[in-house]
C-alpha atoms as a PDB file:
ATOM      1  CA  MET A   1     107.512 100.626  90.724  1.00  0.00           C
ATOM      2  CA  PRO A   2     108.501 102.780  93.683  1.00  0.00           C
ATOM      3  CA  VAL A   3     108.683 106.498  92.959  1.00  0.00           C
ATOM      4  CA  ALA A   4     111.861 108.357  93.898  1.00  0.00           C
ATOM      5  CA  ILE A   5     111.106 111.841  95.224  1.00  0.00           C
ATOM      6  CA  LYS A   6     113.412 114.251  93.421  1.00  0.00           C
ATOM      7  CA  GLY A   7     115.773 116.195  95.671  1.00  0.00           C
ATOM      8  CA  THR A   8     115.452 113.725  98.550  1.00  0.00           C
ATOM      9  CA  LYS A   9     116.503 110.215  99.492  1.00  0.00           C
ATOM     10  CA  LEU A  10     112.885 109.147  99.857  1.00  0.00           C
ATOM     11  CA  VAL A  11     111.199 106.472  97.753  1.00  0.00           C
ATOM     12  CA  TYR A  12     107.426 106.090  97.827  1.00  0.00           C
ATOM     13  CA  PHE A  13     105.880 102.636  97.349  1.00  0.00           C
ATOM     14  CA  PRO A  14     102.361 102.966  95.897  1.00  0.00           C
ATOM     15  CA  VAL A  15      99.436 100.698  96.735  1.00  0.00           C
ATOM     16  CA  PRO A  16      96.248 100.818  94.612  1.00  0.00           C
ATOM     17  CA  LYS A  17      93.239 102.350  96.392  1.00  0.00           C
ATOM     18  CA  VAL A  18      95.331 103.950  99.131  1.00  0.00           C
ATOM     19  CA  ALA A  19      95.520 107.555  97.855  1.00  0.00           C
ATOM     20  CA  CYS A  20      97.777 106.135  95.160  1.00  0.00           C
ATOM     21  CA  THR A  21      96.609 108.378  92.295  1.00  0.00           C
ATOM     22  CA  SER A  22      96.619 111.492  94.466  1.00  0.00           C
ATOM     23  CA  ILE A  23     100.144 110.901  95.762  1.00  0.00           C
ATOM     24  CA  LYS A  24     101.538 109.971  92.348  1.00  0.00           C
ATOM     25  CA  THR A  25      99.953 113.092  90.846  1.00  0.00           C
ATOM     26  CA  ALA A  26     101.577 115.309  93.474  1.00  0.00           C
ATOM     27  CA  LEU A  27     104.947 113.591  93.021  1.00  0.00           C
ATOM     28  CA  LEU A  28     104.811 113.912  89.240  1.00  0.00           C
ATOM     29  CA  GLU A  29     104.073 117.618  89.535  1.00  0.00           C
ATOM     30  CA  HIS A  30     107.145 117.918  91.779  1.00  0.00           C
ATOM     31  CA  ASN A  31     109.465 115.590  89.859  1.00  0.00           C
ATOM     32  CA  ASP A  32     108.541 116.743  86.357  1.00  0.00           C
ATOM     33  CA  PRO A  33     106.559 119.996  86.362  1.00  0.00           C
ATOM     34  CA  GLY A  34     104.363 120.465  83.324  1.00  0.00           C
ATOM     35  CA  THR A  35     103.768 116.802  82.579  1.00  0.00           C
ATOM     36  CA  LEU A  36     100.275 116.916  84.062  1.00  0.00           C
ATOM     37  CA  ALA A  37      99.387 119.720  81.655  1.00  0.00           C
ATOM     38  CA  LEU A  38     100.419 117.460  78.779  1.00  0.00           C
ATOM     39  CA  PHE A  39      97.902 114.863  79.979  1.00  0.00           C
ATOM     40  CA  ARG A  40      95.155 117.472  79.828  1.00  0.00           C
ATOM     41  CA  ASN A  41      96.195 119.228  76.625  1.00  0.00           C
ATOM     42  CA  GLY A  42      98.277 116.724  74.637  1.00  0.00           C
ATOM     43  CA  PRO A  43      97.192 114.155  72.018  1.00  0.00           C
ATOM     44  CA  ARG A  44      94.866 111.577  73.557  1.00  0.00           C
ATOM     45  CA  ASP A  45      96.314 108.736  71.475  1.00  0.00           C
ATOM     46  CA  LEU A  46      99.961 109.183  72.482  1.00  0.00           C
ATOM     47  CA  PRO A  47     101.442 107.943  75.764  1.00  0.00           C
ATOM     48  CA  PRO A  48     101.892 108.845  78.486  1.00  0.00           C
ATOM     49  CA  ARG A  49      98.226 109.691  78.956  1.00  0.00           C
ATOM     50  CA  HIS A  50      97.961 109.216  82.698  1.00  0.00           C
ATOM     51  CA  VAL A  51     100.113 109.400  85.816  1.00  0.00           C
ATOM     52  CA  HIS A  52      99.990 105.596  86.129  1.00  0.00           C
ATOM     53  CA  GLU A  53     101.750 105.247  82.781  1.00  0.00           C
ATOM     54  CA  VAL A  54     104.620 107.347  84.122  1.00  0.00           C
ATOM     55  CA  TYR A  55     104.648 105.672  87.535  1.00  0.00           C
ATOM     56  CA  PRO A  56     103.129 102.193  87.170  1.00  0.00           C
ATOM     57  CA  THR A  57     102.325 100.267  90.340  1.00  0.00           C
ATOM     58  CA  THR A  58     104.128  96.942  90.118  1.00  0.00           C
ATOM     59  CA  ASP A  59     104.498  93.861  92.288  1.00  0.00           C
ATOM     60  CA  PHE A  60     107.133  93.950  95.005  1.00  0.00           C
ATOM     61  CA  ALA A  61     110.299  92.147  93.893  1.00  0.00           C
ATOM     62  CA  LEU A  62     113.365  92.819  96.029  1.00  0.00           C
ATOM     63  CA  ARG A  63     115.791  91.773  93.301  1.00  0.00           C
ATOM     64  CA  ASN A  64     114.452  94.565  91.084  1.00  0.00           C
ATOM     65  CA  LEU A  65     114.626  97.212  93.796  1.00  0.00           C
ATOM     66  CA  LEU A  66     118.208  97.155  94.995  1.00  0.00           C
ATOM     67  CA  GLY A  67     119.661  99.421  92.336  1.00  0.00           C
ATOM     68  CA  HIS A  68     116.682 101.762  92.282  1.00  0.00           C
ATOM     69  CA  THR A  69     116.386 102.194  96.036  1.00  0.00           C
ATOM     70  CA  TYR A  70     119.895 101.620  97.403  1.00  0.00           C
ATOM     71  CA  GLY A  71     120.707 104.068 100.188  1.00  0.00           C
ATOM     72  CA  LYS A  72     117.210 105.532 100.186  1.00  0.00           C
ATOM     73  CA  ALA A  73     114.434 105.593 102.755  1.00  0.00           C
ATOM     74  CA  TRP A  74     111.294 103.679 101.822  1.00  0.00           C
ATOM     75  CA  ILE A  75     107.909 105.171 102.690  1.00  0.00           C
ATOM     76  CA  ALA A  76     104.339 103.974 102.127  1.00  0.00           C
ATOM     77  CA  VAL A  77     100.726 104.738 102.995  1.00  0.00           C
ATOM     78  CA  LEU A  78      98.438 101.907 104.142  1.00  0.00           C
ATOM     79  CA  ARG A  79      94.757 101.375 104.756  1.00  0.00           C
ATOM     80  CA  ASP A  80      92.731  98.750 106.562  1.00  0.00           C
ATOM     81  CA  PRO A  81      92.243  96.042 103.896  1.00  0.00           C
ATOM     82  CA  ILE A  82      88.479  95.713 104.357  1.00  0.00           C
ATOM     83  CA  ARG A  83      87.971  99.469 104.093  1.00  0.00           C
ATOM     84  CA  ARG A  84      90.258  99.476 101.064  1.00  0.00           C
ATOM     85  CA  ALA A  85      88.208  96.709  99.433  1.00  0.00           C
ATOM     86  CA  VAL A  86      84.904  98.503 100.025  1.00  0.00           C
ATOM     87  CA  SER A  87      86.355 101.738  98.647  1.00  0.00           C
ATOM     88  CA  GLY A  88      87.615  99.809  95.642  1.00  0.00           C
ATOM     89  CA  TYR A  89      84.190  98.283  95.106  1.00  0.00           C
ATOM     90  CA  ARG A  90      82.577 101.729  95.094  1.00  0.00           C
ATOM     91  CA  ASN A  91      85.087 103.302  92.735  1.00  0.00           C
ATOM     92  CA  ARG A  92      86.367 100.512  90.494  1.00  0.00           C
ATOM     93  CA  ILE A  93      83.447  98.078  90.309  1.00  0.00           C
ATOM     94  CA  VAL A  94      80.429 100.396  90.478  1.00  0.00           C
ATOM     95  CA  HIS A  95      81.737 103.738  89.179  1.00  0.00           C
ATOM     96  CA  HIS A  96      84.384 102.676  86.637  1.00  0.00           C
ATOM     97  CA  ARG A  97      82.691  99.355  85.839  1.00  0.00           C
ATOM     98  CA  ASP A  98      85.995  97.511  85.496  1.00  0.00           C
ATOM     99  CA  LEU A  99      84.229  94.163  85.202  1.00  0.00           C
ATOM    100  CA  ASP A 100      82.721  95.256  81.876  1.00  0.00           C
ATOM    101  CA  LEU A 101      86.117  94.469  80.339  1.00  0.00           C
ATOM    102  CA  THR A 102      85.592  90.750  80.976  1.00  0.00           C
ATOM    103  CA  ALA A 103      83.380  88.731  78.627  1.00  0.00           C
ATOM    104  CA  SER A 104      79.901  88.064  79.991  1.00  0.00           C
ATOM    105  CA  ALA A 105      80.271  84.351  79.298  1.00  0.00           C
ATOM    106  CA  ALA A 106      83.142  84.103  81.780  1.00  0.00           C
ATOM    107  CA  PHE A 107      80.854  85.180  84.618  1.00  0.00           C
ATOM    108  CA  ALA A 108      77.910  83.165  83.334  1.00  0.00           C
ATOM    109  CA  ARG A 109      79.926  79.942  83.393  1.00  0.00           C
ATOM    110  CA  LEU A 110      80.482  80.421  87.111  1.00  0.00           C
ATOM    111  CA  GLY A 111      77.009  81.686  87.893  1.00  0.00           C
ATOM    112  CA  LEU A 112      78.283  85.114  88.916  1.00  0.00           C
ATOM    113  CA  PRO A 113      76.717  88.477  88.016  1.00  0.00           C
ATOM    114  CA  GLU A 114      78.653  90.983  85.922  1.00  0.00           C
ATOM    115  CA  ALA A 115      77.513  93.789  88.217  1.00  0.00           C
ATOM    116  CA  PRO A 116      77.654  92.236  91.706  1.00  0.00           C
ATOM    117  CA  ASP A 117      76.322  93.829  94.840  1.00  0.00           C
ATOM    118  CA  LEU A 118      78.831  94.369  97.645  1.00  0.00           C
ATOM    119  CA  THR A 119      78.086  91.082  99.389  1.00  0.00           C
ATOM    120  CA  THR A 120      78.366  88.989  96.230  1.00  0.00           C
ATOM    121  CA  PHE A 121      81.588  90.727  95.278  1.00  0.00           C
ATOM    122  CA  ALA A 122      83.160  90.218  98.708  1.00  0.00           C
ATOM    123  CA  LEU A 123      82.152  86.560  98.908  1.00  0.00           C
ATOM    124  CA  ASN A 124      83.655  85.895  95.468  1.00  0.00           C
ATOM    125  CA  LEU A 125      86.553  88.357  95.440  1.00  0.00           C
ATOM    126  CA  ALA A 126      89.219  85.789  94.548  1.00  0.00           C
ATOM    127  CA  THR A 127      87.189  84.635  91.544  1.00  0.00           C
ATOM    128  CA  TYR A 128      86.529  88.165  90.313  1.00  0.00           C
ATOM    129  CA  CYS A 129      90.257  88.879  90.604  1.00  0.00           C
ATOM    130  CA  ARG A 130      91.031  85.775  88.583  1.00  0.00           C
ATOM    131  CA  LEU A 131      88.587  86.754  85.836  1.00  0.00           C
ATOM    132  CA  ASN A 132      89.507  90.430  85.563  1.00  0.00           C
ATOM    133  CA  ALA A 133      93.045  91.841  85.500  1.00  0.00           C
ATOM    134  CA  ASP A 134      92.037  95.344  86.608  1.00  0.00           C
ATOM    135  CA  THR A 135      90.195  93.930  89.601  1.00  0.00           C
ATOM    136  CA  ASP A 136      93.173  91.761  90.471  1.00  0.00           C
ATOM    137  CA  HIS A 137      95.423  94.829  90.336  1.00  0.00           C
ATOM    138  CA  HIS A 138      93.238  97.057  92.497  1.00  0.00           C
ATOM    139  CA  PHE A 139      92.205  94.461  95.086  1.00  0.00           C
ATOM    140  CA  ALA A 140      95.389  92.406  95.484  1.00  0.00           C
ATOM    141  CA  PRO A 141      96.702  92.189  99.059  1.00  0.00           C
ATOM    142  CA  LEU A 142      99.085  94.845 100.334  1.00  0.00           C
ATOM    143  CA  THR A 143     101.855  92.267 100.498  1.00  0.00           C
ATOM    144  CA  ARG A 144     101.912  92.087  96.708  1.00  0.00           C
ATOM    145  CA  TYR A 145     103.059  95.702  96.561  1.00  0.00           C
ATOM    146  CA  LEU A 146     104.981  96.116  99.821  1.00  0.00           C
ATOM    147  CA  GLY A 147     106.402  92.693 100.544  1.00  0.00           C
ATOM    148  CA  THR A 148     106.300  90.988 103.916  1.00  0.00           C
ATOM    149  CA  LYS A 149     108.878  92.874 105.997  1.00  0.00           C
ATOM    150  CA  PRO A 150     107.669  96.200 107.414  1.00  0.00           C
ATOM    151  CA  GLY A 151     111.119  96.765 108.895  1.00  0.00           C
ATOM    152  CA  ARG A 152     112.452  97.629 105.448  1.00  0.00           C
ATOM    153  CA  PHE A 153     110.433 100.855 105.520  1.00  0.00           C
ATOM    154  CA  ALA A 154     111.656 104.037 107.177  1.00  0.00           C
ATOM    155  CA  ARG A 155     108.088 105.270 107.703  1.00  0.00           C
ATOM    156  CA  VAL A 156     104.651 103.774 107.144  1.00  0.00           C
ATOM    157  CA  PHE A 157     101.621 106.054 107.366  1.00  0.00           C
ATOM    158  CA  ARG A 158      97.955 105.228 107.788  1.00  0.00           C
ATOM    159  CA  LEU A 159      95.599 106.719 105.218  1.00  0.00           C
ATOM    160  CA  SER A 160      94.226 108.915 108.005  1.00  0.00           C
ATOM    161  CA  GLU A 161      97.758 110.288 108.431  1.00  0.00           C
ATOM    162  CA  LEU A 162      98.156 111.804 104.969  1.00  0.00           C
ATOM    163  CA  ASP A 163      98.885 115.179 106.563  1.00  0.00           C
ATOM    164  CA  GLN A 164     101.765 113.540 108.431  1.00  0.00           C
ATOM    165  CA  PHE A 165     102.965 111.969 105.180  1.00  0.00           C
ATOM    166  CA  VAL A 166     103.018 115.399 103.529  1.00  0.00           C
ATOM    167  CA  GLY A 167     104.746 116.848 106.590  1.00  0.00           C
ATOM    168  CA  TYR A 168     107.389 114.126 106.586  1.00  0.00           C
ATOM    169  CA  VAL A 169     108.200 114.772 102.935  1.00  0.00           C
ATOM    170  CA  ALA A 170     108.317 118.505 103.697  1.00  0.00           C
ATOM    171  CA  GLN A 171     110.954 117.832 106.366  1.00  0.00           C
ATOM    172  CA  HIS A 172     113.090 116.593 103.488  1.00  0.00           C
ATOM    173  CA  GLY A 173     112.613 119.806 101.537  1.00  0.00           C
ATOM    174  CA  VAL A 174     109.698 118.932  99.253  1.00  0.00           C
ATOM    175  CA  HIS A 175     106.278 120.524  99.695  1.00  0.00           C
ATOM    176  CA  LEU A 176     103.452 118.535  98.132  1.00  0.00           C
ATOM    177  CA  THR A 177      99.838 119.443  97.489  1.00  0.00           C
ATOM    178  CA  LEU A 178      97.705 116.318  97.279  1.00  0.00           C
ATOM    179  CA  PRO A 179      94.658 116.425  95.002  1.00  0.00           C
ATOM    180  CA  HIS A 180      91.661 114.234  95.863  1.00  0.00           C
ATOM    181  CA  GLU A 181      91.528 111.672  93.056  1.00  0.00           C
ATOM    182  CA  GLN A 182      89.515 108.502  92.344  1.00  0.00           C
ATOM    183  CA  SER A 183      86.890 108.937  95.052  1.00  0.00           C
ATOM    184  CA  ALA A 184      83.749 108.675  92.922  1.00  0.00           C
ATOM    185  CA  GLY A 185      81.144 106.018  93.591  1.00  0.00           C
ATOM    186  CA  PRO A 186      77.920 105.331  95.481  1.00  0.00           C
ATOM    187  CA  PRO A 187      77.585 105.799  99.265  1.00  0.00           C
ATOM    188  CA  VAL A 188      78.554 102.256 100.243  1.00  0.00           C
ATOM    189  CA  GLY A 189      80.544 101.620 103.420  1.00  0.00           C
ATOM    190  CA  VAL A 190      81.917  98.843 105.588  1.00  0.00           C
ATOM    191  CA  ASP A 191      78.712  98.891 107.643  1.00  0.00           C
ATOM    192  CA  ASP A 192      76.932  97.543 104.557  1.00  0.00           C
ATOM    193  CA  LEU A 193      78.925  94.300 104.708  1.00  0.00           C
ATOM    194  CA  THR A 194      77.163  91.207 105.977  1.00  0.00           C
ATOM    195  CA  ASP A 195      78.955  89.106 108.574  1.00  0.00           C
ATOM    196  CA  ALA A 196      79.714  86.497 105.912  1.00  0.00           C
ATOM    197  CA  ALA A 197      81.087  89.106 103.504  1.00  0.00           C
ATOM    198  CA  ARG A 198      83.286  90.614 106.215  1.00  0.00           C
ATOM    199  CA  ALA A 199      84.606  87.161 107.138  1.00  0.00           C
ATOM    200  CA  ALA A 200      85.376  86.440 103.482  1.00  0.00           C
ATOM    201  CA  LEU A 201      87.386  89.647 103.181  1.00  0.00           C
ATOM    202  CA  MET A 202      89.207  88.915 106.442  1.00  0.00           C
ATOM    203  CA  ALA A 203      90.229  85.549 105.020  1.00  0.00           C
ATOM    204  CA  PHE A 204      91.278  87.021 101.672  1.00  0.00           C
ATOM    205  CA  TYR A 205      93.476  89.627 103.373  1.00  0.00           C
ATOM    206  CA  ARG A 206      94.621  87.412 106.253  1.00  0.00           C
ATOM    207  CA  GLU A 207      98.334  87.885 105.506  1.00  0.00           C
ATOM    208  CA  ASP A 208      97.929  91.662 105.346  1.00  0.00           C
ATOM    209  CA  TYR A 209      96.407  91.698 108.824  1.00  0.00           C
ATOM    210  CA  GLU A 210      99.124  89.414 110.178  1.00  0.00           C
ATOM    211  CA  ILE A 211     102.060  91.335 108.695  1.00  0.00           C
ATOM    212  CA  TRP A 212     100.882  94.941 108.399  1.00  0.00           C
ATOM    213  CA  GLY A 213      98.165  94.970 111.055  1.00  0.00           C
ATOM    214  CA  ASP A 214     100.003  97.391 113.350  1.00  0.00           C
ATOM    215  CA  TYR A 215      99.280 100.133 110.808  1.00  0.00           C
ATOM    216  CA  PHE A 216      95.511  99.662 110.502  1.00  0.00           C
END
């Protein structure tokens, strides 16, 4: 769901693997000071245990937004989809091992490895998303979370413009300090993609490039 920034008329729309955890963490510290300390010091078996339980990232559905966002300015941070996918592979697939949550037999039936290299993952991204809910969540196209009409947003920032994002929020009276979250993983980059893998990702994220391409 979009996150209203307390004391302003701004609403932030999160996208997984686009500084999402860092921005949500900063907003939670502003909106509800002390809650982050509860995550660190409170009972591990009682929710909320993480910022994403307080501010879940949900699919864009205009009918569910009107009351929550009426009269407010929408803002978002975007990233080139291929770079986002490679970052997600490093952090979610290799570091967090999200695919371990899916039964081995599901991959075996399709002849896919449980721990794919970057090329295999990119070439079969749609299938891995279908088999694993966490992968589907983190690698879904931007349009799932932001819709298909950029004109609805007051400001859209590139990931490289996080300082401008913080500055824009500061113009509305809120000063955020962004932590650097969810960056762990091996040194894999877009230059490691084969031509076929890059083409597969371009096809998977085709709509993102068509609709949101001005911001990449």
